[in-house]
Amino acid sequence: MGFLALYEESRDEDASPDEDEGRILPEISENELLNLLKLIPEQHFTQPPPRYTEATLVRTLEEYGIGRPSTYAATVDVISRRDYVERKDKRLIPTETGKIVNDLLVQYFPDILDYEFTAHLEDELDDIADGRMEWHSFLGEFYAPFEKQLENARKNMPRIQQEEYVGRECPSCEDGQLIIKYGRWGKFIGCTNYPDCTYTEQYLEYTGIRCPVCGDEHGGEVVERRSRRGRTFYGCSRYPQCEYSAWKLADVRRDAGLPPEEDEAVIQDEAS
């Protein structure tokens, strides 16, 4: 039990307090008979670890030695912008796209995706920057096995296309159908006849709420958007003609004169 003098178990910043936190077992000896004071017929399930926030993700990257302070913001930006994660209550929740990409990369590039490999690579890059390592030999040692993995992935990795039909014909070629595609900058709408037809348009996720500023006069609707850092916010579908925006859907409902979602649910229950 001496390790308890140095050991401290960390707890997530917004986890609920544990009644047994800080409590340790009394000293007992092998084969000692114990008295049953109380039998509590309760079933407990192990809770999964909480999802990362931006702060806890950066903290974990630091602990594993992955990346550097100058790259942390870019890492969070990329996984958000490419729809690998979505934010819910400040948590980063992996999307279906993110899960598929992760599984394929782990399967076909297991060494590259290993924590220790990435941390070791960062140290070697620091050595190159400080002049302690020659970059030609470093690049040769890295690229030879990586090239083989890359060739194997090109041949054997399944091509997975996530396509969802919009329900409209392409206005450009008038032959193809418009579908939701996933690109480097997130979702967008394109034509099924690509590459013969290169028509695209912005993907908008509608909330079903009229714009509080121009909705009555011009028919603007509130849509969900992403900031450059991947944070979700709400704006008008007529942007830039209308610049209405809000960070929270609750604020949009308030501005539109609608009750909060909880109150609306109560109203619907009473009506039924």
C-alpha atoms as a PDB file:
ATOM      1  CA  MET A   1       0.000   0.000   0.000  1.00  0.00           C
ATOM      2  CA  GLY A   2       3.058   2.262   0.084  1.00  0.00           C
ATOM      3  CA  PHE A   3       2.390   3.356  -3.487  1.00  0.00           C
ATOM      4  CA  LEU A   4      -0.610   5.346  -2.244  1.00  0.00           C
ATOM      5  CA  ALA A   5       1.776   7.896  -0.795  1.00  0.00           C
ATOM      6  CA  LEU A   6       2.760   8.885  -4.332  1.00  0.00           C
ATOM      7  CA  TYR A   7      -0.161   7.677  -6.437  1.00  0.00           C
ATOM      8  CA  GLU A   8      -3.021  10.018  -7.231  1.00  0.00           C
ATOM      9  CA  GLU A   9      -5.858   8.914  -9.489  1.00  0.00           C
ATOM     10  CA  SER A  10      -7.106  11.679 -11.721  1.00  0.00           C
ATOM     11  CA  ARG A  11     -10.775  12.280 -12.442  1.00  0.00           C
ATOM     12  CA  ASP A  12     -12.353  13.971 -15.417  1.00  0.00           C
ATOM     13  CA  GLU A  13     -13.046  17.658 -14.925  1.00  0.00           C
ATOM     14  CA  ASP A  14     -16.824  17.389 -15.181  1.00  0.00           C
ATOM     15  CA  ALA A  15     -17.376  13.849 -13.893  1.00  0.00           C
ATOM     16  CA  SER A  16     -19.875  13.430 -11.060  1.00  0.00           C
ATOM     17  CA  PRO A  17     -18.328  13.039  -7.577  1.00  0.00           C
ATOM     18  CA  ASP A  18     -17.779   9.506  -6.316  1.00  0.00           C
ATOM     19  CA  GLU A  19     -18.997   8.672  -2.818  1.00  0.00           C
ATOM     20  CA  ASP A  20     -16.073   6.259  -2.343  1.00  0.00           C
ATOM     21  CA  GLU A  21     -13.461   8.697  -3.616  1.00  0.00           C
ATOM     22  CA  GLY A  22     -10.471   8.831  -1.292  1.00  0.00           C
ATOM     23  CA  ARG A  23     -11.591   5.771   0.666  1.00  0.00           C
ATOM     24  CA  ILE A  24      -9.045   2.920   1.000  1.00  0.00           C
ATOM     25  CA  LEU A  25      -9.358  -0.638   2.312  1.00  0.00           C
ATOM     26  CA  PRO A  26      -8.253  -1.376   5.890  1.00  0.00           C
ATOM     27  CA  GLU A  27      -5.222  -3.575   6.466  1.00  0.00           C
ATOM     28  CA  ILE A  28      -6.091  -7.273   6.202  1.00  0.00           C
ATOM     29  CA  SER A  29      -4.072 -10.496   6.181  1.00  0.00           C
ATOM     30  CA  GLU A  30      -4.252 -13.575   3.971  1.00  0.00           C
ATOM     31  CA  ASN A  31      -7.020 -16.105   4.884  1.00  0.00           C
ATOM     32  CA  GLU A  32      -8.459 -13.687   7.452  1.00  0.00           C
ATOM     33  CA  LEU A  33     -12.148 -14.335   8.164  1.00  0.00           C
ATOM     34  CA  LEU A  34     -14.317 -11.290   7.705  1.00  0.00           C
ATOM     35  CA  ASN A  35     -17.793 -10.554   9.044  1.00  0.00           C
ATOM     36  CA  LEU A  36     -20.550  -9.821   6.554  1.00  0.00           C
ATOM     37  CA  LEU A  37     -22.069  -6.599   7.839  1.00  0.00           C
ATOM     38  CA  LYS A  38     -24.434  -5.915   4.967  1.00  0.00           C
ATOM     39  CA  LEU A  39     -25.264  -7.370   1.558  1.00  0.00           C
ATOM     40  CA  ILE A  40     -26.380  -4.734  -0.977  1.00  0.00           C
ATOM     41  CA  PRO A  41     -28.070  -6.246  -4.077  1.00  0.00           C
ATOM     42  CA  GLU A  42     -26.982  -3.539  -6.515  1.00  0.00           C
ATOM     43  CA  GLN A  43     -25.542  -3.908  -9.988  1.00  0.00           C
ATOM     44  CA  HIS A  44     -22.928  -1.484 -11.250  1.00  0.00           C
ATOM     45  CA  PHE A  45     -21.637  -1.100 -14.767  1.00  0.00           C
ATOM     46  CA  THR A  46     -18.251   0.252 -15.729  1.00  0.00           C
ATOM     47  CA  GLN A  47     -18.728   3.633 -17.348  1.00  0.00           C
ATOM     48  CA  PRO A  48     -16.781   4.383 -20.526  1.00  0.00           C
ATOM     49  CA  PRO A  49     -14.239   7.190 -20.272  1.00  0.00           C
ATOM     50  CA  PRO A  50     -15.710  10.597 -21.107  1.00  0.00           C
ATOM     51  CA  ARG A  51     -15.246  12.000 -24.594  1.00  0.00           C
ATOM     52  CA  TYR A  52     -12.434  14.459 -25.133  1.00  0.00           C
ATOM     53  CA  THR A  53     -12.892  18.178 -24.996  1.00  0.00           C
ATOM     54  CA  GLU A  54     -10.423  20.360 -26.875  1.00  0.00           C
ATOM     55  CA  ALA A  55      -8.531  20.905 -23.613  1.00  0.00           C
ATOM     56  CA  THR A  56      -8.346  17.226 -22.596  1.00  0.00           C
ATOM     57  CA  LEU A  57      -7.394  16.185 -26.146  1.00  0.00           C
ATOM     58  CA  VAL A  58      -4.480  18.645 -26.190  1.00  0.00           C
ATOM     59  CA  ARG A  59      -3.479  17.459 -22.706  1.00  0.00           C
ATOM     60  CA  THR A  60      -3.440  13.850 -23.926  1.00  0.00           C
ATOM     61  CA  LEU A  61      -1.379  14.784 -26.992  1.00  0.00           C
ATOM     62  CA  GLU A  62       1.123  16.438 -24.661  1.00  0.00           C
ATOM     63  CA  GLU A  63       1.251  13.360 -22.398  1.00  0.00           C
ATOM     64  CA  TYR A  64       2.001  11.054 -25.345  1.00  0.00           C
ATOM     65  CA  GLY A  65       4.480  13.492 -26.864  1.00  0.00           C
ATOM     66  CA  ILE A  66       2.440  13.783 -30.057  1.00  0.00           C
ATOM     67  CA  GLY A  67       2.717  17.075 -31.897  1.00  0.00           C
ATOM     68  CA  ARG A  68       3.974  20.365 -30.561  1.00  0.00           C
ATOM     69  CA  PRO A  69       2.170  23.452 -29.171  1.00  0.00           C
ATOM     70  CA  SER A  70       2.310  25.008 -32.636  1.00  0.00           C
ATOM     71  CA  THR A  71       0.392  22.039 -34.152  1.00  0.00           C
ATOM     72  CA  TYR A  72      -2.324  21.395 -31.540  1.00  0.00           C
ATOM     73  CA  ALA A  73      -4.768  24.007 -32.842  1.00  0.00           C
ATOM     74  CA  ALA A  74      -4.278  22.788 -36.429  1.00  0.00           C
ATOM     75  CA  THR A  75      -4.959  19.179 -35.362  1.00  0.00           C
ATOM     76  CA  VAL A  76      -8.270  20.088 -33.725  1.00  0.00           C
ATOM     77  CA  ASP A  77      -9.173  22.256 -36.718  1.00  0.00           C
ATOM     78  CA  VAL A  78      -8.569  19.441 -39.237  1.00  0.00           C
ATOM     79  CA  ILE A  79     -10.589  16.759 -37.454  1.00  0.00           C
ATOM     80  CA  SER A  80     -13.467  19.229 -37.030  1.00  0.00           C
ATOM     81  CA  ARG A  81     -13.367  20.668 -40.548  1.00  0.00           C
ATOM     82  CA  ARG A  82     -13.272  17.253 -42.181  1.00  0.00           C
ATOM     83  CA  ASP A  83     -16.277  16.049 -40.157  1.00  0.00           C
ATOM     84  CA  TYR A  84     -14.255  13.426 -38.269  1.00  0.00           C
ATOM     85  CA  VAL A  85     -15.766  14.779 -35.039  1.00  0.00           C
ATOM     86  CA  GLU A  86     -18.694  16.964 -34.061  1.00  0.00           C
ATOM     87  CA  ARG A  87     -19.066  19.093 -30.963  1.00  0.00           C
ATOM     88  CA  LYS A  88     -21.802  18.323 -28.453  1.00  0.00           C
ATOM     89  CA  ASP A  89     -21.763  20.068 -25.071  1.00  0.00           C
ATOM     90  CA  LYS A  90     -18.074  20.935 -25.586  1.00  0.00           C
ATOM     91  CA  ARG A  91     -17.272  17.251 -26.218  1.00  0.00           C
ATOM     92  CA  LEU A  92     -15.679  15.970 -29.435  1.00  0.00           C
ATOM     93  CA  ILE A  93     -17.888  13.105 -30.640  1.00  0.00           C
ATOM     94  CA  PRO A  94     -16.523  10.933 -33.480  1.00  0.00           C
ATOM     95  CA  THR A  95     -18.738  10.888 -36.563  1.00  0.00           C
ATOM     96  CA  GLU A  96     -19.346   7.849 -38.753  1.00  0.00           C
ATOM     97  CA  THR A  97     -16.829   9.281 -41.224  1.00  0.00           C
ATOM     98  CA  GLY A  98     -14.260   9.656 -38.452  1.00  0.00           C
ATOM     99  CA  LYS A  99     -14.755   6.065 -37.277  1.00  0.00           C
ATOM    100  CA  ILE A 100     -14.379   4.667 -40.805  1.00  0.00           C
ATOM    101  CA  VAL A 101     -11.226   6.709 -41.508  1.00  0.00           C
ATOM    102  CA  ASN A 102      -9.712   5.715 -38.155  1.00  0.00           C
ATOM    103  CA  ASP A 103     -10.422   1.992 -38.620  1.00  0.00           C
ATOM    104  CA  LEU A 104      -8.941   1.947 -42.126  1.00  0.00           C
ATOM    105  CA  LEU A 105      -5.814   3.856 -41.124  1.00  0.00           C
ATOM    106  CA  VAL A 106      -5.195   1.616 -38.112  1.00  0.00           C
ATOM    107  CA  GLN A 107      -5.665  -1.482 -40.300  1.00  0.00           C
ATOM    108  CA  TYR A 108      -3.385  -0.412 -43.176  1.00  0.00           C
ATOM    109  CA  PHE A 109      -0.892   1.835 -41.369  1.00  0.00           C
ATOM    110  CA  PRO A 110      -0.558   0.287 -37.877  1.00  0.00           C
ATOM    111  CA  ASP A 111       3.032   1.502 -37.332  1.00  0.00           C
ATOM    112  CA  ILE A 112       2.292   5.067 -38.416  1.00  0.00           C
ATOM    113  CA  LEU A 113      -0.772   5.226 -36.126  1.00  0.00           C
ATOM    114  CA  ASP A 114       1.130   3.930 -33.096  1.00  0.00           C
ATOM    115  CA  TYR A 115       1.499   6.468 -30.268  1.00  0.00           C
ATOM    116  CA  GLU A 116       5.152   5.637 -29.610  1.00  0.00           C
ATOM    117  CA  PHE A 117       6.079   5.881 -33.290  1.00  0.00           C
ATOM    118  CA  THR A 118       4.537   9.343 -33.582  1.00  0.00           C
ATOM    119  CA  ALA A 119       6.215  10.589 -30.405  1.00  0.00           C
ATOM    120  CA  HIS A 120       9.585   9.145 -31.505  1.00  0.00           C
ATOM    121  CA  LEU A 121       9.165  10.797 -34.906  1.00  0.00           C
ATOM    122  CA  GLU A 122       8.585  14.161 -33.234  1.00  0.00           C
ATOM    123  CA  ASP A 123      11.829  13.739 -31.238  1.00  0.00           C
ATOM    124  CA  GLU A 124      13.786  12.910 -34.403  1.00  0.00           C
ATOM    125  CA  LEU A 125      12.374  15.949 -36.167  1.00  0.00           C
ATOM    126  CA  ASP A 126      13.584  18.051 -33.234  1.00  0.00           C
ATOM    127  CA  ASP A 127      17.028  16.469 -33.599  1.00  0.00           C
ATOM    128  CA  ILE A 128      17.069  17.402 -37.294  1.00  0.00           C
ATOM    129  CA  ALA A 129      16.034  20.974 -36.474  1.00  0.00           C
ATOM    130  CA  ASP A 130      18.848  21.205 -33.885  1.00  0.00           C
ATOM    131  CA  GLY A 131      21.427  19.723 -36.289  1.00  0.00           C
ATOM    132  CA  ARG A 132      21.940  16.485 -34.341  1.00  0.00           C
ATOM    133  CA  MET A 133      20.583  14.254 -37.156  1.00  0.00           C
ATOM    134  CA  GLU A 134      21.014  14.201 -40.927  1.00  0.00           C
ATOM    135  CA  TRP A 135      17.650  14.451 -42.680  1.00  0.00           C
ATOM    136  CA  HIS A 136      18.521  12.348 -45.765  1.00  0.00           C
ATOM    137  CA  SER A 137      19.114   9.156 -43.783  1.00  0.00           C
ATOM    138  CA  PHE A 138      16.086   9.848 -41.582  1.00  0.00           C
ATOM    139  CA  LEU A 139      13.813  10.239 -44.603  1.00  0.00           C
ATOM    140  CA  GLY A 140      15.188   7.073 -46.222  1.00  0.00           C
ATOM    141  CA  GLU A 141      14.543   4.970 -43.098  1.00  0.00           C
ATOM    142  CA  PHE A 142      11.008   6.305 -42.835  1.00  0.00           C
ATOM    143  CA  TYR A 143       9.887   6.222 -46.442  1.00  0.00           C
ATOM    144  CA  ALA A 144      11.045   2.726 -47.472  1.00  0.00           C
ATOM    145  CA  PRO A 145       8.582   0.812 -45.223  1.00  0.00           C
ATOM    146  CA  PHE A 146       5.936   3.526 -45.585  1.00  0.00           C
ATOM    147  CA  GLU A 147       6.022   3.206 -49.387  1.00  0.00           C
ATOM    148  CA  LYS A 148       5.241  -0.523 -49.105  1.00  0.00           C
ATOM    149  CA  GLN A 149       2.290   0.151 -46.783  1.00  0.00           C
ATOM    150  CA  LEU A 150       1.068   2.888 -49.117  1.00  0.00           C
ATOM    151  CA  GLU A 151       1.179   0.573 -52.129  1.00  0.00           C
ATOM    152  CA  ASN A 152      -0.674  -2.138 -50.191  1.00  0.00           C
ATOM    153  CA  ALA A 153      -3.370   0.371 -49.183  1.00  0.00           C
ATOM    154  CA  ARG A 154      -3.774   1.552 -52.786  1.00  0.00           C
ATOM    155  CA  LYS A 155      -4.362  -2.020 -53.913  1.00  0.00           C
ATOM    156  CA  ASN A 156      -6.410  -3.468 -51.058  1.00  0.00           C
ATOM    157  CA  MET A 157      -8.053  -0.684 -49.047  1.00  0.00           C
ATOM    158  CA  PRO A 158     -11.806  -0.658 -49.831  1.00  0.00           C
ATOM    159  CA  ARG A 159     -13.170   2.490 -51.419  1.00  0.00           C
ATOM    160  CA  ILE A 160     -16.028   3.690 -49.257  1.00  0.00           C
ATOM    161  CA  GLN A 161     -18.290   6.389 -50.613  1.00  0.00           C
ATOM    162  CA  GLN A 162     -20.730   8.070 -48.275  1.00  0.00           C
ATOM    163  CA  GLU A 163     -23.377   9.475 -50.571  1.00  0.00           C
ATOM    164  CA  GLU A 164     -26.820  10.735 -49.647  1.00  0.00           C
ATOM    165  CA  TYR A 165     -29.221  11.847 -52.363  1.00  0.00           C
ATOM    166  CA  VAL A 166     -30.623  15.354 -52.006  1.00  0.00           C
ATOM    167  CA  GLY A 167     -33.694  14.654 -54.150  1.00  0.00           C
ATOM    168  CA  ARG A 168     -32.995  17.217 -56.884  1.00  0.00           C
ATOM    169  CA  GLU A 169     -31.670  16.993 -60.413  1.00  0.00           C
ATOM    170  CA  CYS A 170     -28.420  18.708 -61.253  1.00  0.00           C
ATOM    171  CA  PRO A 171     -29.244  22.175 -62.652  1.00  0.00           C
ATOM    172  CA  SER A 172     -26.047  22.169 -64.706  1.00  0.00           C
ATOM    173  CA  CYS A 173     -26.115  18.929 -66.724  1.00  0.00           C
ATOM    174  CA  GLU A 174     -29.839  18.230 -66.110  1.00  0.00           C
ATOM    175  CA  ASP A 175     -29.047  14.521 -66.189  1.00  0.00           C
ATOM    176  CA  GLY A 176     -27.313  13.690 -62.906  1.00  0.00           C
ATOM    177  CA  GLN A 177     -28.697  13.724 -59.364  1.00  0.00           C
ATOM    178  CA  LEU A 178     -27.430  15.972 -56.568  1.00  0.00           C
ATOM    179  CA  ILE A 179     -25.827  14.117 -53.667  1.00  0.00           C
ATOM    180  CA  ILE A 180     -24.099  15.050 -50.401  1.00  0.00           C
ATOM    181  CA  LYS A 181     -20.365  14.446 -50.637  1.00  0.00           C
ATOM    182  CA  TYR A 182     -17.492  14.711 -48.197  1.00  0.00           C
ATOM    183  CA  GLY A 183     -14.483  16.783 -49.180  1.00  0.00           C
ATOM    184  CA  ARG A 184     -11.442  18.277 -47.522  1.00  0.00           C
ATOM    185  CA  TRP A 185     -13.512  21.152 -46.140  1.00  0.00           C
ATOM    186  CA  GLY A 186     -16.463  19.044 -44.967  1.00  0.00           C
ATOM    187  CA  LYS A 187     -19.816  18.332 -46.607  1.00  0.00           C
ATOM    188  CA  PHE A 188     -20.845  19.783 -49.944  1.00  0.00           C
ATOM    189  CA  ILE A 189     -23.385  19.018 -52.668  1.00  0.00           C
ATOM    190  CA  GLY A 190     -22.202  17.682 -56.010  1.00  0.00           C
ATOM    191  CA  CYS A 191     -23.417  15.852 -59.097  1.00  0.00           C
ATOM    192  CA  THR A 192     -23.463  12.076 -59.602  1.00  0.00           C
ATOM    193  CA  ASN A 193     -22.025  12.627 -63.080  1.00  0.00           C
ATOM    194  CA  TYR A 194     -18.718  13.887 -61.683  1.00  0.00           C
ATOM    195  CA  PRO A 195     -16.095  14.235 -63.202  1.00  0.00           C
ATOM    196  CA  ASP A 196     -18.053  14.887 -66.424  1.00  0.00           C
ATOM    197  CA  CYS A 197     -20.137  17.421 -64.476  1.00  0.00           C
ATOM    198  CA  THR A 198     -18.323  19.533 -61.880  1.00  0.00           C
ATOM    199  CA  TYR A 199     -21.374  21.352 -60.478  1.00  0.00           C
ATOM    200  CA  THR A 200     -21.215  21.951 -56.700  1.00  0.00           C
ATOM    201  CA  GLU A 201     -23.108  23.990 -54.169  1.00  0.00           C
ATOM    202  CA  GLN A 202     -22.803  24.693 -50.474  1.00  0.00           C
ATOM    203  CA  TYR A 203     -24.312  22.166 -48.054  1.00  0.00           C
ATOM    204  CA  LEU A 204     -26.764  23.745 -45.623  1.00  0.00           C
ATOM    205  CA  GLU A 205     -28.328  21.957 -42.678  1.00  0.00           C
ATOM    206  CA  TYR A 206     -31.663  23.646 -41.959  1.00  0.00           C
ATOM    207  CA  THR A 207     -33.065  23.982 -38.433  1.00  0.00           C
ATOM    208  CA  GLY A 208     -36.652  24.583 -39.510  1.00  0.00           C
ATOM    209  CA  ILE A 209     -36.665  28.065 -37.940  1.00  0.00           C
ATOM    210  CA  ARG A 210     -37.271  31.232 -39.939  1.00  0.00           C
ATOM    211  CA  CYS A 211     -34.556  33.865 -39.697  1.00  0.00           C
ATOM    212  CA  PRO A 212     -35.560  36.346 -36.951  1.00  0.00           C
ATOM    213  CA  VAL A 213     -34.229  39.245 -39.065  1.00  0.00           C
ATOM    214  CA  CYS A 214     -35.332  38.606 -42.654  1.00  0.00           C
ATOM    215  CA  GLY A 215     -37.514  35.494 -42.494  1.00  0.00           C
ATOM    216  CA  ASP A 216     -40.882  37.221 -42.820  1.00  0.00           C
ATOM    217  CA  GLU A 217     -39.835  39.599 -45.586  1.00  0.00           C
ATOM    218  CA  HIS A 218     -37.335  37.563 -47.630  1.00  0.00           C
ATOM    219  CA  GLY A 219     -37.887  33.975 -46.509  1.00  0.00           C
ATOM    220  CA  GLY A 220     -34.484  33.453 -44.917  1.00  0.00           C
ATOM    221  CA  GLU A 221     -34.085  30.353 -42.742  1.00  0.00           C
ATOM    222  CA  VAL A 222     -31.651  29.568 -39.955  1.00  0.00           C
ATOM    223  CA  VAL A 223     -29.034  26.972 -40.916  1.00  0.00           C
ATOM    224  CA  GLU A 224     -26.267  25.235 -39.015  1.00  0.00           C
ATOM    225  CA  ARG A 225     -22.764  26.343 -39.988  1.00  0.00           C
ATOM    226  CA  ARG A 226     -19.177  25.757 -38.931  1.00  0.00           C
ATOM    227  CA  SER A 227     -16.635  28.388 -38.006  1.00  0.00           C
ATOM    228  CA  ARG A 228     -13.044  28.156 -39.260  1.00  0.00           C
ATOM    229  CA  ARG A 229     -12.120  26.422 -36.014  1.00  0.00           C
ATOM    230  CA  GLY A 230     -14.886  23.867 -36.461  1.00  0.00           C
ATOM    231  CA  ARG A 231     -17.237  25.344 -33.875  1.00  0.00           C
ATOM    232  CA  THR A 232     -20.939  25.021 -34.675  1.00  0.00           C
ATOM    233  CA  PHE A 233     -22.970  28.205 -34.936  1.00  0.00           C
ATOM    234  CA  TYR A 234     -26.237  29.271 -36.583  1.00  0.00           C
ATOM    235  CA  GLY A 235     -26.745  31.806 -39.337  1.00  0.00           C
ATOM    236  CA  CYS A 236     -29.112  32.892 -42.068  1.00  0.00           C
ATOM    237  CA  SER A 237     -29.369  30.935 -45.322  1.00  0.00           C
ATOM    238  CA  ARG A 238     -29.313  34.266 -47.192  1.00  0.00           C
ATOM    239  CA  TYR A 239     -25.814  35.204 -46.006  1.00  0.00           C
ATOM    240  CA  PRO A 240     -24.164  37.575 -46.949  1.00  0.00           C
ATOM    241  CA  GLN A 241     -27.391  39.493 -47.710  1.00  0.00           C
ATOM    242  CA  CYS A 242     -28.437  38.794 -44.104  1.00  0.00           C
ATOM    243  CA  GLU A 243     -25.740  38.549 -41.421  1.00  0.00           C
ATOM    244  CA  TYR A 244     -27.848  37.182 -38.553  1.00  0.00           C
ATOM    245  CA  SER A 245     -25.927  34.637 -36.440  1.00  0.00           C
ATOM    246  CA  ALA A 246     -25.973  33.044 -32.992  1.00  0.00           C
ATOM    247  CA  TRP A 247     -23.799  30.524 -31.203  1.00  0.00           C
ATOM    248  CA  LYS A 248     -26.619  28.549 -29.574  1.00  0.00           C
ATOM    249  CA  LEU A 249     -29.870  27.176 -30.974  1.00  0.00           C
ATOM    250  CA  ALA A 250     -31.584  28.302 -27.770  1.00  0.00           C
ATOM    251  CA  ASP A 251     -30.641  31.894 -28.634  1.00  0.00           C
ATOM    252  CA  VAL A 252     -32.065  31.444 -32.133  1.00  0.00           C
ATOM    253  CA  ARG A 253     -35.364  30.200 -30.704  1.00  0.00           C
ATOM    254  CA  ARG A 254     -35.485  33.145 -28.314  1.00  0.00           C
ATOM    255  CA  ASP A 255     -34.784  35.651 -31.109  1.00  0.00           C
ATOM    256  CA  ALA A 256     -37.486  34.017 -33.252  1.00  0.00           C
ATOM    257  CA  GLY A 257     -40.022  34.272 -30.423  1.00  0.00           C
ATOM    258  CA  LEU A 258     -40.200  30.496 -29.942  1.00  0.00           C
ATOM    259  CA  PRO A 259     -40.323  28.709 -26.577  1.00  0.00           C
ATOM    260  CA  PRO A 260     -37.301  26.681 -25.435  1.00  0.00           C
ATOM    261  CA  GLU A 261     -37.248  23.114 -26.731  1.00  0.00           C
ATOM    262  CA  GLU A 262     -38.141  21.734 -23.296  1.00  0.00           C
ATOM    263  CA  ASP A 263     -41.195  23.997 -23.041  1.00  0.00           C
ATOM    264  CA  GLU A 264     -42.258  23.084 -26.577  1.00  0.00           C
ATOM    265  CA  ALA A 265     -42.109  19.380 -25.701  1.00  0.00           C
ATOM    266  CA  VAL A 266     -44.368  20.011 -22.697  1.00  0.00           C
ATOM    267  CA  ILE A 267     -46.822  21.960 -24.879  1.00  0.00           C
ATOM    268  CA  GLN A 268     -46.949  19.116 -27.405  1.00  0.00           C
ATOM    269  CA  ASP A 269     -47.532  16.544 -24.649  1.00  0.00           C
ATOM    270  CA  GLU A 270     -50.395  18.601 -23.209  1.00  0.00           C
ATOM    271  CA  ALA A 271     -51.931  19.018 -26.650  1.00  0.00           C
ATOM    272  CA  SER A 272     -51.853  15.268 -27.277  1.00  0.00           C
END
